Amino acid sequence: LKELNFKHNQKDLLFIVMHNYNKEFTHVTPLNLYHYINGLKIDRKHLN
């Protein structure tokens, strides 16, 4: 996000990522969350 010159707060980023993750998945596991966060980095639509 910083590379894209997008100002953000790390705590807010975690809150929003977790909120979105919980909307999409009913069963939260640490490994799934890890893959989800990594996926956000490379998917331009989700990043936008």
ModelCIF file with pLDDT and N, C-alpha, C, O atoms, coordinates in Angstrom:
data_MODEL
#
_entry.id   MODEL 
#
_entity.id                         1 
_entity.type                       polymer 
_entity.pdbx_number_of_molecules   1 
#
_entity_poly.entity_id                      1 
_entity_poly.type                           'polypeptide(L)' 
_entity_poly.nstd_linkage                   no 
_entity_poly.nstd_monomer                   no 
_entity_poly.pdbx_seq_one_letter_code       LKELNFKHNQKDLLFIVMHNYNKEFTHVTPLNLYHYINGLKIDRKHLN 
_entity_poly.pdbx_seq_one_letter_code_can   LKELNFKHNQKDLLFIVMHNYNKEFTHVTPLNLYHYINGLKIDRKHLN 
_entity_poly.pdbx_strand_id                 A 
#
loop_
_entity_poly_seq.entity_id 
_entity_poly_seq.num 
_entity_poly_seq.mon_id 
_entity_poly_seq.hetero 
1 1  LEU n 
1 2  LYS n 
1 3  GLU n 
1 4  LEU n 
1 5  ASN n 
1 6  PHE n 
1 7  LYS n 
1 8  HIS n 
1 9  ASN n 
1 10 GLN n 
1 11 LYS n 
1 12 ASP n 
1 13 LEU n 
1 14 LEU n 
1 15 PHE n 
1 16 ILE n 
1 17 VAL n 
1 18 MET n 
1 19 HIS n 
1 20 ASN n 
1 21 TYR n 
1 22 ASN n 
1 23 LYS n 
1 24 GLU n 
1 25 PHE n 
1 26 THR n 
1 27 HIS n 
1 28 VAL n 
1 29 THR n 
1 30 PRO n 
1 31 LEU n 
1 32 ASN n 
1 33 LEU n 
1 34 TYR n 
1 35 HIS n 
1 36 TYR n 
1 37 ILE n 
1 38 ASN n 
1 39 GLY n 
1 40 LEU n 
1 41 LYS n 
1 42 ILE n 
1 43 ASP n 
1 44 ARG n 
1 45 LYS n 
1 46 HIS n 
1 47 LEU n 
1 48 ASN n 
#
_struct_asym.id          A 
_struct_asym.entity_id   1 
#
loop_
_ma_qa_metric.id 
_ma_qa_metric.mode 
_ma_qa_metric.name 
_ma_qa_metric.software_group_id 
_ma_qa_metric.type 
1 global pLDDT . pLDDT 
2 local  pLDDT . pLDDT 
#
_ma_qa_metric_global.metric_id      1 
_ma_qa_metric_global.metric_value   87.69 
_ma_qa_metric_global.model_id       1 
_ma_qa_metric_global.ordinal_id     1 
#
loop_
_ma_qa_metric_local.label_asym_id 
_ma_qa_metric_local.label_comp_id 
_ma_qa_metric_local.label_seq_id 
_ma_qa_metric_local.metric_id 
_ma_qa_metric_local.metric_value 
_ma_qa_metric_local.model_id 
_ma_qa_metric_local.ordinal_id 
A LEU 1  2 94.00 1 1  
A LYS 2  2 94.00 1 2  
A GLU 3  2 93.00 1 3  
A LEU 4  2 92.00 1 4  
A ASN 5  2 94.00 1 5  
A PHE 6  2 93.00 1 6  
A LYS 7  2 88.00 1 7  
A HIS 8  2 92.00 1 8  
A ASN 9  2 89.00 1 9  
A GLN 10 2 86.00 1 10 
A LYS 11 2 87.00 1 11 
A ASP 12 2 89.00 1 12 
A LEU 13 2 91.00 1 13 
A LEU 14 2 89.00 1 14 
A PHE 15 2 90.00 1 15 
A ILE 16 2 92.00 1 16 
A VAL 17 2 91.00 1 17 
A MET 18 2 88.00 1 18 
A HIS 19 2 88.00 1 19 
A ASN 20 2 88.00 1 20 
A TYR 21 2 88.00 1 21 
A ASN 22 2 86.00 1 22 
A LYS 23 2 85.00 1 23 
A GLU 24 2 83.00 1 24 
A PHE 25 2 81.00 1 25 
A THR 26 2 78.00 1 26 
A HIS 27 2 77.00 1 27 
A VAL 28 2 74.00 1 28 
A THR 29 2 79.00 1 29 
A PRO 30 2 79.00 1 30 
A LEU 31 2 83.00 1 31 
A ASN 32 2 86.00 1 32 
A LEU 33 2 85.00 1 33 
A TYR 34 2 87.00 1 34 
A HIS 35 2 88.00 1 35 
A TYR 36 2 89.00 1 36 
A ILE 37 2 90.00 1 37 
A ASN 38 2 89.00 1 38 
A GLY 39 2 89.00 1 39 
A LEU 40 2 89.00 1 40 
A LYS 41 2 86.00 1 41 
A ILE 42 2 87.00 1 42 
A ASP 43 2 89.00 1 43 
A ARG 44 2 89.00 1 44 
A LYS 45 2 91.00 1 45 
A HIS 46 2 89.00 1 46 
A LEU 47 2 92.00 1 47 
A ASN 48 2 93.00 1 48 
#
loop_
_atom_site.group_PDB 
_atom_site.id 
_atom_site.type_symbol 
_atom_site.label_atom_id 
_atom_site.label_alt_id 
_atom_site.label_comp_id 
_atom_site.label_asym_id 
_atom_site.label_entity_id 
_atom_site.label_seq_id 
_atom_site.pdbx_PDB_ins_code 
_atom_site.Cartn_x 
_atom_site.Cartn_y 
_atom_site.Cartn_z 
_atom_site.occupancy 
_atom_site.B_iso_or_equiv 
_atom_site.pdbx_formal_charge 
_atom_site.auth_seq_id 
_atom_site.auth_comp_id 
_atom_site.auth_asym_id 
_atom_site.auth_atom_id 
_atom_site.pdbx_PDB_model_num 
ATOM 1   N N  . LEU A 1 1  ? 0.828   -1.202  0.000  1.00 94.00 ? 1  LEU A N  1 
ATOM 2   C CA . LEU A 1 1  ? 0.000   0.000   0.000  1.00 94.00 ? 1  LEU A CA 1 
ATOM 3   C C  . LEU A 1 1  ? 0.866   1.257   0.000  1.00 94.00 ? 1  LEU A C  1 
ATOM 4   O O  . LEU A 1 1  ? 0.542   2.243   -0.662 1.00 94.00 ? 1  LEU A O  1 
ATOM 5   N N  . LYS A 1 2  ? 1.967   1.216   0.745  1.00 94.00 ? 2  LYS A N  1 
ATOM 6   C CA . LYS A 1 2  ? 2.889   2.363   0.764  1.00 94.00 ? 2  LYS A CA 1 
ATOM 7   C C  . LYS A 1 2  ? 3.516   2.582   -0.605 1.00 94.00 ? 2  LYS A C  1 
ATOM 8   O O  . LYS A 1 2  ? 3.697   3.722   -1.033 1.00 94.00 ? 2  LYS A O  1 
ATOM 9   N N  . GLU A 1 3  ? 3.849   1.495   -1.294 1.00 93.00 ? 3  GLU A N  1 
ATOM 10  C CA . GLU A 1 3  ? 4.393   1.605   -2.658 1.00 93.00 ? 3  GLU A CA 1 
ATOM 11  C C  . GLU A 1 3  ? 3.418   2.327   -3.576 1.00 93.00 ? 3  GLU A C  1 
ATOM 12  O O  . GLU A 1 3  ? 3.827   3.035   -4.496 1.00 93.00 ? 3  GLU A O  1 
ATOM 13  N N  . LEU A 1 4  ? 2.129   2.143   -3.321 1.00 92.00 ? 4  LEU A N  1 
ATOM 14  C CA . LEU A 1 4  ? 1.093   2.781   -4.121 1.00 92.00 ? 4  LEU A CA 1 
ATOM 15  C C  . LEU A 1 4  ? 0.764   4.181   -3.594 1.00 92.00 ? 4  LEU A C  1 
ATOM 16  O O  . LEU A 1 4  ? -0.212  4.802   -4.016 1.00 92.00 ? 4  LEU A O  1 
ATOM 17  N N  . ASN A 1 5  ? 1.597   4.667   -2.664 1.00 94.00 ? 5  ASN A N  1 
ATOM 18  C CA . ASN A 1 5  ? 1.408   5.980   -2.026 1.00 94.00 ? 5  ASN A CA 1 
ATOM 19  C C  . ASN A 1 5  ? 0.044   6.105   -1.353 1.00 94.00 ? 5  ASN A C  1 
ATOM 20  O O  . ASN A 1 5  ? -0.585  7.162   -1.371 1.00 94.00 ? 5  ASN A O  1 
ATOM 21  N N  . PHE A 1 6  ? -0.391  5.003   -0.765 1.00 93.00 ? 6  PHE A N  1 
ATOM 22  C CA . PHE A 1 6  ? -1.679  4.991   -0.078 1.00 93.00 ? 6  PHE A CA 1 
ATOM 23  C C  . PHE A 1 6  ? -1.440  5.074   1.421  1.00 93.00 ? 6  PHE A C  1 
ATOM 24  O O  . PHE A 1 6  ? -0.878  4.163   2.029  1.00 93.00 ? 6  PHE A O  1 
ATOM 25  N N  . LYS A 1 7  ? -1.880  6.191   2.008  1.00 88.00 ? 7  LYS A N  1 
ATOM 26  C CA . LYS A 1 7  ? -1.668  6.390   3.446  1.00 88.00 ? 7  LYS A CA 1 
ATOM 27  C C  . LYS A 1 7  ? -2.672  5.550   4.228  1.00 88.00 ? 7  LYS A C  1 
ATOM 28  O O  . LYS A 1 7  ? -3.863  5.524   3.917  1.00 88.00 ? 7  LYS A O  1 
ATOM 29  N N  . HIS A 1 8  ? -2.172  4.876   5.230  1.00 92.00 ? 8  HIS A N  1 
ATOM 30  C CA . HIS A 1 8  ? -3.034  4.028   6.050  1.00 92.00 ? 8  HIS A CA 1 
ATOM 31  C C  . HIS A 1 8  ? -2.380  3.801   7.405  1.00 92.00 ? 8  HIS A C  1 
ATOM 32  O O  . HIS A 1 8  ? -1.188  4.041   7.594  1.00 92.00 ? 8  HIS A O  1 
ATOM 33  N N  . ASN A 1 9  ? -3.178  3.343   8.319  1.00 89.00 ? 9  ASN A N  1 
ATOM 34  C CA . ASN A 1 9  ? -2.738  3.028   9.671  1.00 89.00 ? 9  ASN A CA 1 
ATOM 35  C C  . ASN A 1 9  ? -2.720  1.503   9.801  1.00 89.00 ? 9  ASN A C  1 
ATOM 36  O O  . ASN A 1 9  ? -3.689  0.839   9.434  1.00 89.00 ? 9  ASN A O  1 
ATOM 37  N N  . GLN A 1 10 ? -1.631  0.951   10.318 1.00 86.00 ? 10 GLN A N  1 
ATOM 38  C CA . GLN A 1 10 ? -1.486  -0.509  10.400 1.00 86.00 ? 10 GLN A CA 1 
ATOM 39  C C  . GLN A 1 10 ? -2.606  -1.150  11.227 1.00 86.00 ? 10 GLN A C  1 
ATOM 40  O O  . GLN A 1 10 ? -3.092  -2.229  10.885 1.00 86.00 ? 10 GLN A O  1 
ATOM 41  N N  . LYS A 1 11 ? -3.006  -0.498  12.295 1.00 87.00 ? 11 LYS A N  1 
ATOM 42  C CA . LYS A 1 11 ? -4.066  -1.052  13.148 1.00 87.00 ? 11 LYS A CA 1 
ATOM 43  C C  . LYS A 1 11 ? -5.399  -1.081  12.392 1.00 87.00 ? 11 LYS A C  1 
ATOM 44  O O  . LYS A 1 11 ? -6.149  -2.053  12.480 1.00 87.00 ? 11 LYS A O  1 
ATOM 45  N N  . ASP A 1 12 ? -5.687  0.003   11.644 1.00 89.00 ? 12 ASP A N  1 
ATOM 46  C CA . ASP A 1 12 ? -6.915  0.039   10.843 1.00 89.00 ? 12 ASP A CA 1 
ATOM 47  C C  . ASP A 1 12 ? -6.874  -1.019  9.756  1.00 89.00 ? 12 ASP A C  1 
ATOM 48  O O  . ASP A 1 12 ? -7.883  -1.661  9.461  1.00 89.00 ? 12 ASP A O  1 
ATOM 49  N N  . LEU A 1 13 ? -5.696  -1.199  9.160  1.00 91.00 ? 13 LEU A N  1 
ATOM 50  C CA . LEU A 1 13 ? -5.540  -2.198  8.107  1.00 91.00 ? 13 LEU A CA 1 
ATOM 51  C C  . LEU A 1 13 ? -5.890  -3.582  8.640  1.00 91.00 ? 13 LEU A C  1 
ATOM 52  O O  . LEU A 1 13 ? -6.624  -4.330  7.995  1.00 91.00 ? 13 LEU A O  1 
ATOM 53  N N  . LEU A 1 14 ? -5.371  -3.923  9.803  1.00 89.00 ? 14 LEU A N  1 
ATOM 54  C CA . LEU A 1 14 ? -5.669  -5.226  10.406 1.00 89.00 ? 14 LEU A CA 1 
ATOM 55  C C  . LEU A 1 14 ? -7.165  -5.355  10.693 1.00 89.00 ? 14 LEU A C  1 
ATOM 56  O O  . LEU A 1 14 ? -7.763  -6.397  10.425 1.00 89.00 ? 14 LEU A O  1 
ATOM 57  N N  . PHE A 1 15 ? -7.766  -4.299  11.236 1.00 90.00 ? 15 PHE A N  1 
ATOM 58  C CA . PHE A 1 15 ? -9.197  -4.325  11.553 1.00 90.00 ? 15 PHE A CA 1 
ATOM 59  C C  . PHE A 1 15 ? -10.030 -4.589  10.303 1.00 90.00 ? 15 PHE A C  1 
ATOM 60  O O  . PHE A 1 15 ? -10.933 -5.424  10.321 1.00 90.00 ? 15 PHE A O  1 
ATOM 61  N N  . ILE A 1 16 ? -9.726  -3.876  9.216  1.00 92.00 ? 16 ILE A N  1 
ATOM 62  C CA . ILE A 1 16 ? -10.504 -4.017  7.984  1.00 92.00 ? 16 ILE A CA 1 
ATOM 63  C C  . ILE A 1 16 ? -10.261 -5.371  7.332  1.00 92.00 ? 16 ILE A C  1 
ATOM 64  O O  . ILE A 1 16 ? -11.200 -5.998  6.842  1.00 92.00 ? 16 ILE A O  1 
ATOM 65  N N  . VAL A 1 17 ? -9.022  -5.826  7.321  1.00 91.00 ? 17 VAL A N  1 
ATOM 66  C CA . VAL A 1 17 ? -8.721  -7.154  6.766  1.00 91.00 ? 17 VAL A CA 1 
ATOM 67  C C  . VAL A 1 17 ? -9.479  -8.231  7.540  1.00 91.00 ? 17 VAL A C  1 
ATOM 68  O O  . VAL A 1 17 ? -10.067 -9.130  6.940  1.00 91.00 ? 17 VAL A O  1 
ATOM 69  N N  . MET A 1 18 ? -9.465  -8.141  8.864  1.00 88.00 ? 18 MET A N  1 
ATOM 70  C CA . MET A 1 18 ? -10.166 -9.135  9.684  1.00 88.00 ? 18 MET A CA 1 
ATOM 71  C C  . MET A 1 18 ? -11.676 -9.056  9.458  1.00 88.00 ? 18 MET A C  1 
ATOM 72  O O  . MET A 1 18 ? -12.352 -10.083 9.393  1.00 88.00 ? 18 MET A O  1 
ATOM 73  N N  . HIS A 1 19 ? -12.194 -7.856  9.342  1.00 88.00 ? 19 HIS A N  1 
ATOM 74  C CA . HIS A 1 19 ? -13.631 -7.679  9.102  1.00 88.00 ? 19 HIS A CA 1 
ATOM 75  C C  . HIS A 1 19 ? -14.029 -8.344  7.783  1.00 88.00 ? 19 HIS A C  1 
ATOM 76  O O  . HIS A 1 19 ? -15.021 -9.070  7.722  1.00 88.00 ? 19 HIS A O  1 
ATOM 77  N N  . ASN A 1 20 ? -13.253 -8.091  6.734  1.00 88.00 ? 20 ASN A N  1 
ATOM 78  C CA . ASN A 1 20 ? -13.534 -8.692  5.428  1.00 88.00 ? 20 ASN A CA 1 
ATOM 79  C C  . ASN A 1 20 ? -13.376 -10.207 5.466  1.00 88.00 ? 20 ASN A C  1 
ATOM 80  O O  . ASN A 1 20 ? -14.179 -10.945 4.894  1.00 88.00 ? 20 ASN A O  1 
ATOM 81  N N  . TYR A 1 21 ? -12.342 -10.650 6.140  1.00 88.00 ? 21 TYR A N  1 
ATOM 82  C CA . TYR A 1 21 ? -12.092 -12.088 6.245  1.00 88.00 ? 21 TYR A CA 1 
ATOM 83  C C  . TYR A 1 21 ? -13.270 -12.780 6.931  1.00 88.00 ? 21 TYR A C  1 
ATOM 84  O O  . TYR A 1 21 ? -13.724 -13.834 6.487  1.00 88.00 ? 21 TYR A O  1 
ATOM 85  N N  . ASN A 1 22 ? -13.750 -12.185 8.001  1.00 86.00 ? 22 ASN A N  1 
ATOM 86  C CA . ASN A 1 22 ? -14.862 -12.776 8.745  1.00 86.00 ? 22 ASN A CA 1 
ATOM 87  C C  . ASN A 1 22 ? -16.162 -12.756 7.954  1.00 86.00 ? 22 ASN A C  1 
ATOM 88  O O  . ASN A 1 22 ? -17.035 -13.592 8.185  1.00 86.00 ? 22 ASN A O  1 
ATOM 89  N N  . LYS A 1 23 ? -16.307 -11.813 7.021  1.00 85.00 ? 23 LYS A N  1 
ATOM 90  C CA . LYS A 1 23 ? -17.493 -11.793 6.155  1.00 85.00 ? 23 LYS A CA 1 
ATOM 91  C C  . LYS A 1 23 ? -17.439 -12.939 5.149  1.00 85.00 ? 23 LYS A C  1 
ATOM 92  O O  . LYS A 1 23 ? -18.472 -13.515 4.808  1.00 85.00 ? 23 LYS A O  1 
ATOM 93  N N  . GLU A 1 24 ? -16.253 -13.267 4.680  1.00 83.00 ? 24 GLU A N  1 
ATOM 94  C CA . GLU A 1 24 ? -16.098 -14.281 3.638  1.00 83.00 ? 24 GLU A CA 1 
ATOM 95  C C  . GLU A 1 24 ? -16.014 -15.703 4.175  1.00 83.00 ? 24 GLU A C  1 
ATOM 96  O O  . GLU A 1 24 ? -16.477 -16.644 3.529  1.00 83.00 ? 24 GLU A O  1 
ATOM 97  N N  . PHE A 1 25 ? -15.424 -15.860 5.353  1.00 81.00 ? 25 PHE A N  1 
ATOM 98  C CA . PHE A 1 25 ? -15.178 -17.196 5.880  1.00 81.00 ? 25 PHE A CA 1 
ATOM 99  C C  . PHE A 1 25 ? -15.780 -17.342 7.269  1.00 81.00 ? 25 PHE A C  1 
ATOM 100 O O  . PHE A 1 25 ? -15.624 -16.469 8.122  1.00 81.00 ? 25 PHE A O  1 
ATOM 101 N N  . THR A 1 26 ? -16.464 -18.447 7.480  1.00 78.00 ? 26 THR A N  1 
ATOM 102 C CA . THR A 1 26 ? -17.064 -18.671 8.795  1.00 78.00 ? 26 THR A CA 1 
ATOM 103 C C  . THR A 1 26 ? -16.077 -19.338 9.741  1.00 78.00 ? 26 THR A C  1 
ATOM 104 O O  . THR A 1 26 ? -16.166 -19.163 10.956 1.00 78.00 ? 26 THR A O  1 
ATOM 105 N N  . HIS A 1 27 ? -15.147 -20.093 9.200  1.00 77.00 ? 27 HIS A N  1 
ATOM 106 C CA . HIS A 1 27 ? -14.182 -20.802 10.045 1.00 77.00 ? 27 HIS A CA 1 
ATOM 107 C C  . HIS A 1 27 ? -12.817 -20.128 9.916  1.00 77.00 ? 27 HIS A C  1 
ATOM 108 O O  . HIS A 1 27 ? -12.162 -20.226 8.879  1.00 77.00 ? 27 HIS A O  1 
ATOM 109 N N  . VAL A 1 28 ? -12.401 -19.449 10.971 1.00 74.00 ? 28 VAL A N  1 
ATOM 110 C CA . VAL A 1 28 ? -11.138 -18.719 10.945 1.00 74.00 ? 28 VAL A CA 1 
ATOM 111 C C  . VAL A 1 28 ? -10.017 -19.609 11.460 1.00 74.00 ? 28 VAL A C  1 
ATOM 112 O O  . VAL A 1 28 ? -10.061 -20.097 12.589 1.00 74.00 ? 28 VAL A O  1 
ATOM 113 N N  . THR A 1 29 ? -9.020  -19.813 10.620 1.00 79.00 ? 29 THR A N  1 
ATOM 114 C CA . THR A 1 29 ? -7.814  -20.500 11.089 1.00 79.00 ? 29 THR A CA 1 
ATOM 115 C C  . THR A 1 29 ? -6.626  -19.599 10.775 1.00 79.00 ? 29 THR A C  1 
ATOM 116 O O  . THR A 1 29 ? -6.657  -18.858 9.793  1.00 79.00 ? 29 THR A O  1 
ATOM 117 N N  . PRO A 1 30 ? -5.601  -19.650 11.582 1.00 79.00 ? 30 PRO A N  1 
ATOM 118 C CA . PRO A 1 30 ? -4.431  -18.803 11.344 1.00 79.00 ? 30 PRO A CA 1 
ATOM 119 C C  . PRO A 1 30 ? -3.812  -19.007 9.963  1.00 79.00 ? 30 PRO A C  1 
ATOM 120 O O  . PRO A 1 30 ? -3.366  -18.048 9.333  1.00 79.00 ? 30 PRO A O  1 
ATOM 121 N N  . LEU A 1 31 ? -3.784  -20.249 9.494  1.00 83.00 ? 31 LEU A N  1 
ATOM 122 C CA . LEU A 1 31 ? -3.177  -20.515 8.196  1.00 83.00 ? 31 LEU A CA 1 
ATOM 123 C C  . LEU A 1 31 ? -4.024  -19.932 7.061  1.00 83.00 ? 31 LEU A C  1 
ATOM 124 O O  . LEU A 1 31 ? -3.485  -19.370 6.108  1.00 83.00 ? 31 LEU A O  1 
ATOM 125 N N  . ASN A 1 32 ? -5.345  -20.068 7.165  1.00 86.00 ? 32 ASN A N  1 
ATOM 126 C CA . ASN A 1 32 ? -6.229  -19.474 6.154  1.00 86.00 ? 32 ASN A CA 1 
ATOM 127 C C  . ASN A 1 32 ? -6.089  -17.958 6.131  1.00 86.00 ? 32 ASN A C  1 
ATOM 128 O O  . ASN A 1 32 ? -6.069  -17.344 5.064  1.00 86.00 ? 32 ASN A O  1 
ATOM 129 N N  . LEU A 1 33 ? -5.992  -17.364 7.307  1.00 85.00 ? 33 LEU A N  1 
ATOM 130 C CA . LEU A 1 33 ? -5.836  -15.913 7.394  1.00 85.00 ? 33 LEU A CA 1 
ATOM 131 C C  . LEU A 1 33 ? -4.527  -15.479 6.741  1.00 85.00 ? 33 LEU A C  1 
ATOM 132 O O  . LEU A 1 33 ? -4.483  -14.471 6.036  1.00 85.00 ? 33 LEU A O  1 
ATOM 133 N N  . TYR A 1 34 ? -3.482  -16.227 6.974  1.00 87.00 ? 34 TYR A N  1 
ATOM 134 C CA . TYR A 1 34 ? -2.182  -15.939 6.368  1.00 87.00 ? 34 TYR A CA 1 
ATOM 135 C C  . TYR A 1 34 ? -2.286  -15.951 4.838  1.00 87.00 ? 34 TYR A C  1 
ATOM 136 O O  . TYR A 1 34 ? -1.804  -15.036 4.170  1.00 87.00 ? 34 TYR A O  1 
ATOM 137 N N  . HIS A 1 35 ? -2.919  -16.992 4.294  1.00 88.00 ? 35 HIS A N  1 
ATOM 138 C CA . HIS A 1 35 ? -3.073  -17.090 2.848  1.00 88.00 ? 35 HIS A CA 1 
ATOM 139 C C  . HIS A 1 35 ? -3.977  -15.974 2.307  1.00 88.00 ? 35 HIS A C  1 
ATOM 140 O O  . HIS A 1 35 ? -3.748  -15.447 1.218  1.00 88.00 ? 35 HIS A O  1 
ATOM 141 N N  . TYR A 1 36 ? -4.992  -15.630 3.078  1.00 89.00 ? 36 TYR A N  1 
ATOM 142 C CA . TYR A 1 36 ? -5.905  -14.556 2.672  1.00 89.00 ? 36 TYR A CA 1 
ATOM 143 C C  . TYR A 1 36 ? -5.164  -13.219 2.565  1.00 89.00 ? 36 TYR A C  1 
ATOM 144 O O  . TYR A 1 36 ? -5.316  -12.493 1.583  1.00 89.00 ? 36 TYR A O  1 
ATOM 145 N N  . ILE A 1 37 ? -4.367  -12.908 3.580  1.00 90.00 ? 37 ILE A N  1 
ATOM 146 C CA . ILE A 1 37 ? -3.607  -11.649 3.571  1.00 90.00 ? 37 ILE A CA 1 
ATOM 147 C C  . ILE A 1 37 ? -2.630  -11.636 2.402  1.00 90.00 ? 37 ILE A C  1 
ATOM 148 O O  . ILE A 1 37 ? -2.504  -10.628 1.706  1.00 90.00 ? 37 ILE A O  1 
ATOM 149 N N  . ASN A 1 38 ? -1.942  -12.746 2.186  1.00 89.00 ? 38 ASN A N  1 
ATOM 150 C CA . ASN A 1 38 ? -1.008  -12.824 1.060  1.00 89.00 ? 38 ASN A CA 1 
ATOM 151 C C  . ASN A 1 38 ? -1.725  -12.651 -0.268 1.00 89.00 ? 38 ASN A C  1 
ATOM 152 O O  . ASN A 1 38 ? -1.191  -12.027 -1.185 1.00 89.00 ? 38 ASN A O  1 
ATOM 153 N N  . GLY A 1 39 ? -2.920  -13.193 -0.381 1.00 89.00 ? 39 GLY A N  1 
ATOM 154 C CA . GLY A 1 39 ? -3.697  -13.070 -1.609 1.00 89.00 ? 39 GLY A CA 1 
ATOM 155 C C  . GLY A 1 39 ? -4.094  -11.635 -1.909 1.00 89.00 ? 39 GLY A C  1 
ATOM 156 O O  . GLY A 1 39 ? -4.166  -11.239 -3.073 1.00 89.00 ? 39 GLY A O  1 
ATOM 157 N N  . LEU A 1 40 ? -4.351  -10.853 -0.869 1.00 89.00 ? 40 LEU A N  1 
ATOM 158 C CA . LEU A 1 40 ? -4.728  -9.453  -1.055 1.00 89.00 ? 40 LEU A CA 1 
ATOM 159 C C  . LEU A 1 40 ? -3.606  -8.668  -1.735 1.00 89.00 ? 40 LEU A C  1 
ATOM 160 O O  . LEU A 1 40 ? -3.857  -7.760  -2.528 1.00 89.00 ? 40 LEU A O  1 
ATOM 161 N N  . LYS A 1 41 ? -2.375  -9.033  -1.413 1.00 86.00 ? 41 LYS A N  1 
ATOM 162 C CA . LYS A 1 41 ? -1.218  -8.311  -1.961 1.00 86.00 ? 41 LYS A CA 1 
ATOM 163 C C  . LYS A 1 41 ? -1.132  -8.418  -3.472 1.00 86.00 ? 41 LYS A C  1 
ATOM 164 O O  . LYS A 1 41 ? -0.714  -7.474  -4.142 1.00 86.00 ? 41 LYS A O  1 
ATOM 165 N N  . ILE A 1 42 ? -1.527  -9.564  -4.011 1.00 87.00 ? 42 ILE A N  1 
ATOM 166 C CA . ILE A 1 42 ? -1.289  -9.814  -5.435 1.00 87.00 ? 42 ILE A CA 1 
ATOM 167 C C  . ILE A 1 42 ? -2.537  -9.655  -6.294 1.00 87.00 ? 42 ILE A C  1 
ATOM 168 O O  . ILE A 1 42 ? -2.440  -9.642  -7.521 1.00 87.00 ? 42 ILE A O  1 
ATOM 169 N N  . ASP A 1 43 ? -3.700  -9.536  -5.676 1.00 89.00 ? 43 ASP A N  1 
ATOM 170 C CA . ASP A 1 43 ? -4.946  -9.390  -6.430 1.00 89.00 ? 43 ASP A CA 1 
ATOM 171 C C  . ASP A 1 43 ? -5.327  -7.913  -6.481 1.00 89.00 ? 43 ASP A C  1 
ATOM 172 O O  . ASP A 1 43 ? -5.788  -7.346  -5.490 1.00 89.00 ? 43 ASP A O  1 
ATOM 173 N N  . ARG A 1 44 ? -5.133  -7.307  -7.631 1.00 89.00 ? 44 ARG A N  1 
ATOM 174 C CA . ARG A 1 44 ? -5.334  -5.857  -7.764 1.00 89.00 ? 44 ARG A CA 1 
ATOM 175 C C  . ARG A 1 44 ? -6.772  -5.441  -7.440 1.00 89.00 ? 44 ARG A C  1 
ATOM 176 O O  . ARG A 1 44 ? -6.993  -4.393  -6.833 1.00 89.00 ? 44 ARG A O  1 
ATOM 177 N N  . LYS A 1 45 ? -7.740  -6.253  -7.840 1.00 91.00 ? 45 LYS A N  1 
ATOM 178 C CA . LYS A 1 45 ? -9.147  -5.915  -7.574 1.00 91.00 ? 45 LYS A CA 1 
ATOM 179 C C  . LYS A 1 45 ? -9.406  -5.877  -6.065 1.00 91.00 ? 45 LYS A C  1 
ATOM 180 O O  . LYS A 1 45 ? -10.017 -4.940  -5.553 1.00 91.00 ? 45 LYS A O  1 
ATOM 181 N N  . HIS A 1 46 ? -8.934  -6.906  -5.365 1.00 89.00 ? 46 HIS A N  1 
ATOM 182 C CA . HIS A 1 46 ? -9.127  -6.935  -3.914 1.00 89.00 ? 46 HIS A CA 1 
ATOM 183 C C  . HIS A 1 46 ? -8.342  -5.823  -3.230 1.00 89.00 ? 46 HIS A C  1 
ATOM 184 O O  . HIS A 1 46 ? -8.796  -5.255  -2.236 1.00 89.00 ? 46 HIS A O  1 
ATOM 185 N N  . LEU A 1 47 ? -7.169  -5.515  -3.761 1.00 92.00 ? 47 LEU A N  1 
ATOM 186 C CA . LEU A 1 47 ? -6.360  -4.437  -3.194 1.00 92.00 ? 47 LEU A CA 1 
ATOM 187 C C  . LEU A 1 47 ? -7.085  -3.095  -3.360 1.00 92.00 ? 47 LEU A C  1 
ATOM 188 O O  . LEU A 1 47 ? -7.108  -2.283  -2.435 1.00 92.00 ? 47 LEU A O  1 
ATOM 189 N N  . ASN A 1 48 ? -7.671  -2.865  -4.533 1.00 93.00 ? 48 ASN A N  1 
ATOM 190 C CA . ASN A 1 48 ? -8.438  -1.631  -4.758 1.00 93.00 ? 48 ASN A CA 1 
ATOM 191 C C  . ASN A 1 48 ? -9.642  -1.548  -3.820 1.00 93.00 ? 48 ASN A C  1 
ATOM 192 O O  . ASN A 1 48 ? -10.399 -0.578  -3.870 1.00 93.00 ? 48 ASN A O  1 
#
